[in-house]
C-alpha atoms as a PDB file:
ATOM      1  CA  MET A   1      31.792  84.427  94.957  1.00  0.00           C
ATOM      2  CA  ASN A   2      28.803  84.061  92.608  1.00  0.00           C
ATOM      3  CA  ALA A   3      26.372  86.217  94.587  1.00  0.00           C
ATOM      4  CA  PRO A   4      25.072  89.305  92.771  1.00  0.00           C
ATOM      5  CA  PRO A   5      25.876  92.710  94.246  1.00  0.00           C
ATOM      6  CA  ARG A   6      23.506  93.563  97.107  1.00  0.00           C
ATOM      7  CA  TYR A   7      22.197  96.738  95.504  1.00  0.00           C
ATOM      8  CA  GLU A   8      20.688  94.637  92.694  1.00  0.00           C
ATOM      9  CA  LEU A   9      18.303  93.158  95.266  1.00  0.00           C
ATOM     10  CA  PHE A  10      16.535  96.457  95.980  1.00  0.00           C
ATOM     11  CA  VAL A  11      17.535  99.110  93.408  1.00  0.00           C
ATOM     12  CA  LEU A  12      15.204  99.286  90.409  1.00  0.00           C
ATOM     13  CA  GLU A  13      16.754  99.264  86.950  1.00  0.00           C
ATOM     14  CA  ASP A  14      15.962 102.054  84.487  1.00  0.00           C
ATOM     15  CA  GLY A  15      12.365 101.630  83.342  1.00  0.00           C
ATOM     16  CA  GLU A  16      11.658  98.814  85.830  1.00  0.00           C
ATOM     17  CA  LYS A  17       8.353  99.133  87.692  1.00  0.00           C
ATOM     18  CA  SER A  18       8.152  98.280  91.380  1.00  0.00           C
ATOM     19  CA  VAL A  19       4.595  96.915  91.014  1.00  0.00           C
ATOM     20  CA  GLU A  20       3.277  95.046  87.983  1.00  0.00           C
ATOM     21  CA  VAL A  21      -0.377  94.085  87.583  1.00  0.00           C
ATOM     22  CA  ILE A  22      -1.065  91.102  85.319  1.00  0.00           C
ATOM     23  CA  GLU A  23      -4.773  90.776  84.531  1.00  0.00           C
ATOM     24  CA  ASP A  24      -6.160  87.237  84.645  1.00  0.00           C
ATOM     25  CA  THR A  25      -7.887  86.431  81.353  1.00  0.00           C
ATOM     26  CA  LYS A  26      -9.787  83.401  82.694  1.00  0.00           C
ATOM     27  CA  ILE A  27     -11.305  84.885  85.856  1.00  0.00           C
ATOM     28  CA  PRO A  28     -13.147  88.213  85.840  1.00  0.00           C
ATOM     29  CA  ASN A  29     -11.924  90.840  88.307  1.00  0.00           C
ATOM     30  CA  ALA A  30      -8.778  88.856  89.076  1.00  0.00           C
ATOM     31  CA  ALA A  31      -5.137  89.724  88.666  1.00  0.00           C
ATOM     32  CA  THR A  32      -1.674  88.679  89.729  1.00  0.00           C
ATOM     33  CA  ILE A  33       0.264  91.498  91.323  1.00  0.00           C
ATOM     34  CA  LYS A  34       4.023  91.228  91.127  1.00  0.00           C
ATOM     35  CA  ILE A  35       6.002  93.324  93.613  1.00  0.00           C
ATOM     36  CA  VAL A  36       9.669  93.390  92.626  1.00  0.00           C
ATOM     37  CA  LYS A  37      12.806  94.119  94.606  1.00  0.00           C
ATOM     38  CA  GLN A  38      11.091  93.819  97.998  1.00  0.00           C
ATOM     39  CA  ASP A  39      11.883  91.279 100.657  1.00  0.00           C
ATOM     40  CA  HIS A  40       9.433  88.547 101.611  1.00  0.00           C
ATOM     41  CA  THR A  41       7.998  90.585 104.507  1.00  0.00           C
ATOM     42  CA  LEU A  42       5.836  92.828 102.329  1.00  0.00           C
ATOM     43  CA  GLY A  43       4.699  89.887 100.220  1.00  0.00           C
ATOM     44  CA  ASN A  44       3.718  87.925 103.316  1.00  0.00           C
ATOM     45  CA  MET A  45       1.743  90.852 104.754  1.00  0.00           C
ATOM     46  CA  LEU A  46      -0.234  91.182 101.523  1.00  0.00           C
ATOM     47  CA  ARG A  47      -0.413  87.513 100.589  1.00  0.00           C
ATOM     48  CA  ALA A  48      -3.924  87.466  99.135  1.00  0.00           C
ATOM     49  CA  PHE A  49      -6.928  89.710  98.924  1.00  0.00           C
ATOM     50  CA  GLN A  50     -10.199  89.264  97.105  1.00  0.00           C
ATOM     51  CA  THR A  51     -12.791  91.547  95.577  1.00  0.00           C
ATOM     52  CA  ASN A  52     -16.450  90.959  94.809  1.00  0.00           C
ATOM     53  CA  GLY A  53     -16.211  92.820  91.506  1.00  0.00           C
ATOM     54  CA  THR A  54     -17.343  96.229  92.722  1.00  0.00           C
ATOM     55  CA  ILE A  55     -13.718  97.422  92.689  1.00  0.00           C
ATOM     56  CA  THR A  56     -10.759  96.440  90.545  1.00  0.00           C
ATOM     57  CA  PRO A  57      -7.858  94.355  91.867  1.00  0.00           C
ATOM     58  CA  GLN A  58      -5.673  97.481  91.692  1.00  0.00           C
ATOM     59  CA  GLU A  59      -8.110  99.395  93.913  1.00  0.00           C
ATOM     60  CA  ALA A  60      -8.245  96.438  96.304  1.00  0.00           C
ATOM     61  CA  LEU A  61      -4.435  96.437  96.469  1.00  0.00           C
ATOM     62  CA  GLU A  62      -4.420 100.158  97.198  1.00  0.00           C
ATOM     63  CA  GLN A  63      -7.040  99.781  99.945  1.00  0.00           C
ATOM     64  CA  ALA A  64      -5.234  96.796 101.472  1.00  0.00           C
ATOM     65  CA  SER A  65      -1.934  98.698 101.383  1.00  0.00           C
ATOM     66  CA  ASN A  66      -3.486 101.744 103.056  1.00  0.00           C
ATOM     67  CA  LYS A  67      -5.006  99.565 105.792  1.00  0.00           C
ATOM     68  CA  LEU A  68      -1.672  97.806 106.286  1.00  0.00           C
ATOM     69  CA  ILE A  69       0.140 101.144 106.603  1.00  0.00           C
ATOM     70  CA  ALA A  70      -2.463 102.368 109.120  1.00  0.00           C
ATOM     71  CA  SER A  71      -2.042  99.167 111.156  1.00  0.00           C
ATOM     72  CA  LEU A  72       1.740  99.501 111.171  1.00  0.00           C
ATOM     73  CA  VAL A  73       1.561 103.177 112.188  1.00  0.00           C
ATOM     74  CA  SER A  74      -0.801 102.255 115.025  1.00  0.00           C
ATOM     75  CA  LEU A  75       1.514  99.450 116.138  1.00  0.00           C
ATOM     76  CA  GLU A  76       4.505 101.814 116.078  1.00  0.00           C
ATOM     77  CA  GLN A  77       2.628 104.366 118.213  1.00  0.00           C
ATOM     78  CA  LYS A  78       1.659 101.667 120.727  1.00  0.00           C
ATOM     79  CA  PHE A  79       5.255 100.464 121.006  1.00  0.00           C
ATOM     80  CA  LYS A  80       6.532 104.002 121.529  1.00  0.00           C
ATOM     81  CA  ARG A  81       3.868 104.710 124.157  1.00  0.00           C
ATOM     82  CA  GLU A  82       4.436 101.466 126.031  1.00  0.00           C
ATOM     83  CA  PHE A  83       8.202 101.755 126.058  1.00  0.00           C
ATOM     84  CA  THR A  84       8.046 105.246 127.542  1.00  0.00           C
ATOM     85  CA  TYR A  85       6.804 103.486 130.695  1.00  0.00           C
ATOM     86  CA  LYS A  86      10.145 101.711 130.936  1.00  0.00           C
ATOM     87  CA  GLY A  87      11.907 105.022 131.630  1.00  0.00           C
ATOM     88  CA  HIS A  88       9.910 105.884 134.788  1.00  0.00           C
ATOM     89  CA  GLU A  89       9.402 104.410 138.241  1.00  0.00           C
ATOM     90  CA  ALA A  90       5.891 103.923 139.616  1.00  0.00           C
ATOM     91  CA  ASP A  91       6.093 107.306 141.396  1.00  0.00           C
ATOM     92  CA  GLY A  92       7.001 109.115 138.150  1.00  0.00           C
ATOM     93  CA  THR A  93      10.707 109.606 138.821  1.00  0.00           C
ATOM     94  CA  ALA A  94      13.147 108.783 136.056  1.00  0.00           C
ATOM     95  CA  VAL A  95      15.057 105.509 136.226  1.00  0.00           C
ATOM     96  CA  GLY A  96      18.852 105.577 136.194  1.00  0.00           C
ATOM     97  CA  ALA A  97      20.521 104.704 132.908  1.00  0.00           C
ATOM     98  CA  GLU A  98      22.825 101.999 134.298  1.00  0.00           C
ATOM     99  CA  ASP A  99      20.793  99.153 132.778  1.00  0.00           C
ATOM    100  CA  PRO A 100      19.967  99.574 129.056  1.00  0.00           C
ATOM    101  CA  TYR A 101      16.971  97.222 129.373  1.00  0.00           C
ATOM    102  CA  GLY A 102      15.403  99.046 132.321  1.00  0.00           C
ATOM    103  CA  ALA A 103      15.548  96.064 134.676  1.00  0.00           C
ATOM    104  CA  THR A 104      15.942  98.353 137.702  1.00  0.00           C
ATOM    105  CA  GLY A 105      12.678 100.192 137.042  1.00  0.00           C
ATOM    106  CA  THR A 106       9.114  99.023 137.421  1.00  0.00           C
ATOM    107  CA  TRP A 107       6.068  99.792 135.396  1.00  0.00           C
ATOM    108  CA  SER A 108       3.159 101.396 137.153  1.00  0.00           C
ATOM    109  CA  GLY A 109       0.273  99.088 137.928  1.00  0.00           C
ATOM    110  CA  SER A 110       0.272  95.657 136.339  1.00  0.00           C
ATOM    111  CA  ARG A 111       1.487  96.801 132.928  1.00  0.00           C
ATOM    112  CA  ASP A 112       3.662  94.501 130.875  1.00  0.00           C
ATOM    113  CA  TYR A 113       4.428  93.856 127.218  1.00  0.00           C
ATOM    114  CA  MET A 114       1.215  91.892 126.758  1.00  0.00           C
ATOM    115  CA  ASP A 115      -0.865  95.047 127.407  1.00  0.00           C
ATOM    116  CA  LEU A 116      -0.182  96.361 123.910  1.00  0.00           C
END
């Protein structure tokens, strides 16, 4: 098989940087940011961002990354909160564990997955 070992896809080599900033010489306050050894998910979440020149592209990347992390933490908290409803009946009693998907229990009120 010609495929490289899997660890080469995510383990950085000695001296290899995980993020490389390449300044654009033709456009002021522009840069190409290369994120290595990450899957496409991170790259798709931070596809493009733009600055008006008051901050550098590196600062814009840092701010965008911090906002992305905050959004993901918030989403995780919402999922955890909403899925705790699956473990209780409308009257507050715990649902039996016979069905791993909680099909025997009901959510209180009109709550469903779209209420996130």
